[in-house]
Structure formats: structure tokens, C-alpha cells
Amino acid sequence: MSELDERVLSPKEIREKKILATRQNSHEKNTCLREQEASLKCMHDSGYDRDACSKYFQNYRNCRDFWNHVIKDRRRNGIKPYLPPVSERPALRKQYKDFMPWLPD
């Protein structure tokens, strides 16, 4: 066994592994997977210093807020599936750009 295999994982590392092992680890189900992975990578790289990763966390929250808004709108308008397929997402980002100026291009 290598040293990495023998190393005891911290509780934060265990949570991180559980998150990555869930079904939410696909772009089809998790619209903010890229932002989630970036924040987890930042935490790992910074030695789990939350202050150093605050921009990544805010970006993830913005992403979740955006897609929750889209899902609510689709549900309200009777559009199914509520979570849009990956192929429709770029068009929705452009459509909602005026309402959410923080949204990147």
C-alpha cells in the first residue's frame, strides 16, 4: 500500500468524497457541478481555509440560485422536465441574463 492509501482522511475529506460519489456527480443531474468541483478543489488546495474560497462559494450559490429560479419558472409555466436538459441550458442562460447580471456569458 502507498502512503496515500494508509493516510487517515479528515471528516471534511470524507464528506468531500461522499459528495463526489453521489448521483449528483453528473452534469445531467447537477447543473452546478463545475462550480461545486471548483469550490471543493479550492478547499483542498487551501488546506480547508473557507475564507480563501469565499469567491468559489459565492459562485456556487449564484449558480444554485439561478437554476432554482429556472426550475421554479418552468414548474409555474407547466414546462417539463423542470430541470432542463443539458442541450437547452446555454439558451436558458442567455434568456435569463437580463434578470441575473452576475451570470457569466
Protein backbone atom coordinates (compact mmCIF):
# COMPACT_ATOMS: atom_id res chain seq x y z
CA MET A 1 0.00 0.00 0.00
CA SER A 2 1.13 3.52 -0.68
CA GLU A 3 1.30 6.25 1.92
CA LEU A 4 -1.85 7.82 0.50
CA ASP A 5 -3.81 4.61 0.99
CA GLU A 6 -2.74 4.41 4.62
CA ARG A 7 -3.46 8.06 5.41
CA VAL A 8 -6.47 8.70 7.61
CA LEU A 9 -8.97 11.02 5.98
CA SER A 10 -10.24 14.06 7.81
CA PRO A 11 -14.00 14.46 8.29
CA LYS A 12 -14.00 17.16 5.62
CA GLU A 13 -12.26 14.88 3.15
CA ILE A 14 -14.75 12.12 3.92
CA ARG A 15 -17.68 14.49 3.23
CA GLU A 16 -15.99 15.60 0.02
CA LYS A 17 -15.62 12.01 -1.15
CA LYS A 18 -19.27 11.29 -0.32
CA ILE A 19 -20.43 14.29 -2.33
CA LEU A 20 -18.37 13.22 -5.31
CA ALA A 21 -19.67 9.67 -5.04
CA THR A 22 -23.35 10.63 -5.17
CA ARG A 23 -25.61 10.67 -8.19
CA GLN A 24 -25.20 14.44 -8.20
CA ASN A 25 -21.82 13.87 -9.80
CA SER A 26 -23.07 14.29 -13.36
CA HIS A 27 -23.85 17.37 -15.42
CA GLU A 28 -27.23 15.89 -16.28
CA LYS A 29 -28.43 15.96 -12.66
CA ASN A 30 -26.25 18.70 -11.16
CA THR A 31 -26.39 21.96 -13.08
CA CYS A 32 -23.65 23.43 -10.90
CA LEU A 33 -21.22 20.55 -10.94
CA ARG A 34 -18.38 22.67 -12.31
CA GLU A 35 -18.84 25.26 -9.55
CA GLN A 36 -19.14 22.54 -6.91
CA GLU A 37 -15.93 20.87 -8.04
CA ALA A 38 -14.11 24.21 -8.16
CA SER A 39 -15.09 25.04 -4.58
CA LEU A 40 -14.07 21.58 -3.36
CA LYS A 41 -10.74 21.88 -5.18
CA CYS A 42 -10.16 25.30 -3.64
CA MET A 43 -10.87 23.91 -0.17
CA HIS A 44 -8.45 21.06 -0.74
CA ASP A 45 -5.75 23.33 -2.20
CA SER A 46 -6.08 25.93 0.56
CA GLY A 47 -5.94 23.46 3.42
CA TYR A 48 -9.67 23.87 4.06
CA ASP A 49 -9.45 27.61 4.66
CA ARG A 50 -13.03 28.74 3.98
CA ASP A 51 -12.07 32.41 3.76
CA ALA A 52 -9.70 31.71 0.89
CA CYS A 53 -12.54 30.08 -1.08
CA SER A 54 -15.34 32.58 -0.47
CA LYS A 55 -15.49 33.60 -4.14
CA TYR A 56 -15.92 29.97 -5.17
CA PHE A 57 -18.70 29.51 -2.61
CA GLN A 58 -20.49 32.65 -3.79
CA ASN A 59 -20.20 31.50 -7.38
CA TYR A 60 -21.75 28.15 -6.41
CA ARG A 61 -24.58 29.88 -4.52
CA ASN A 62 -25.24 32.13 -7.51
CA CYS A 63 -25.37 29.10 -9.77
CA ARG A 64 -27.81 27.28 -7.48
CA ASP A 65 -29.99 30.40 -7.18
CA PHE A 66 -30.10 30.76 -10.94
CA TRP A 67 -31.08 27.17 -11.66
CA ASN A 68 -33.60 27.11 -8.81
CA HIS A 69 -35.18 30.19 -10.39
CA VAL A 70 -35.29 28.46 -13.78
CA ILE A 71 -36.83 25.33 -12.27
CA LYS A 72 -39.49 27.37 -10.46
CA ASP A 73 -40.34 29.25 -13.65
CA ARG A 74 -40.63 26.03 -15.64
CA ARG A 75 -42.81 24.44 -12.96
CA ARG A 76 -45.00 27.55 -12.79
CA ASN A 77 -45.40 27.52 -16.58
CA GLY A 78 -46.03 23.78 -16.77
CA ILE A 79 -42.84 23.05 -18.73
CA LYS A 80 -41.47 19.58 -18.16
CA PRO A 81 -38.92 18.42 -17.32
CA TYR A 82 -38.48 21.05 -14.64
CA LEU A 83 -34.72 20.65 -14.78
CA PRO A 84 -33.86 21.45 -18.39
CA PRO A 85 -31.76 19.00 -20.38
CA VAL A 86 -28.10 19.86 -20.89
CA SER A 87 -28.77 20.81 -24.52
CA GLU A 88 -31.23 23.57 -23.50
CA ARG A 89 -29.13 25.13 -20.76
CA PRO A 90 -26.98 27.54 -22.83
CA ALA A 91 -30.11 29.10 -24.34
CA LEU A 92 -31.68 29.50 -20.89
CA ARG A 93 -28.56 31.21 -19.59
CA LYS A 94 -28.88 33.78 -22.39
CA GLN A 95 -32.61 34.16 -21.81
CA TYR A 96 -32.19 34.93 -18.10
CA LYS A 97 -29.06 37.10 -18.48
CA ASP A 98 -31.07 40.33 -18.11
CA PHE A 99 -32.57 39.19 -14.81
CA MET A 100 -29.32 37.93 -13.35
CA PRO A 101 -26.45 40.22 -14.40
CA TRP A 102 -23.88 38.30 -12.35
CA LEU A 103 -24.37 35.32 -14.65
CA PRO A 104 -21.23 34.74 -16.75
CA ASP A 105 -21.51 34.59 -20.54
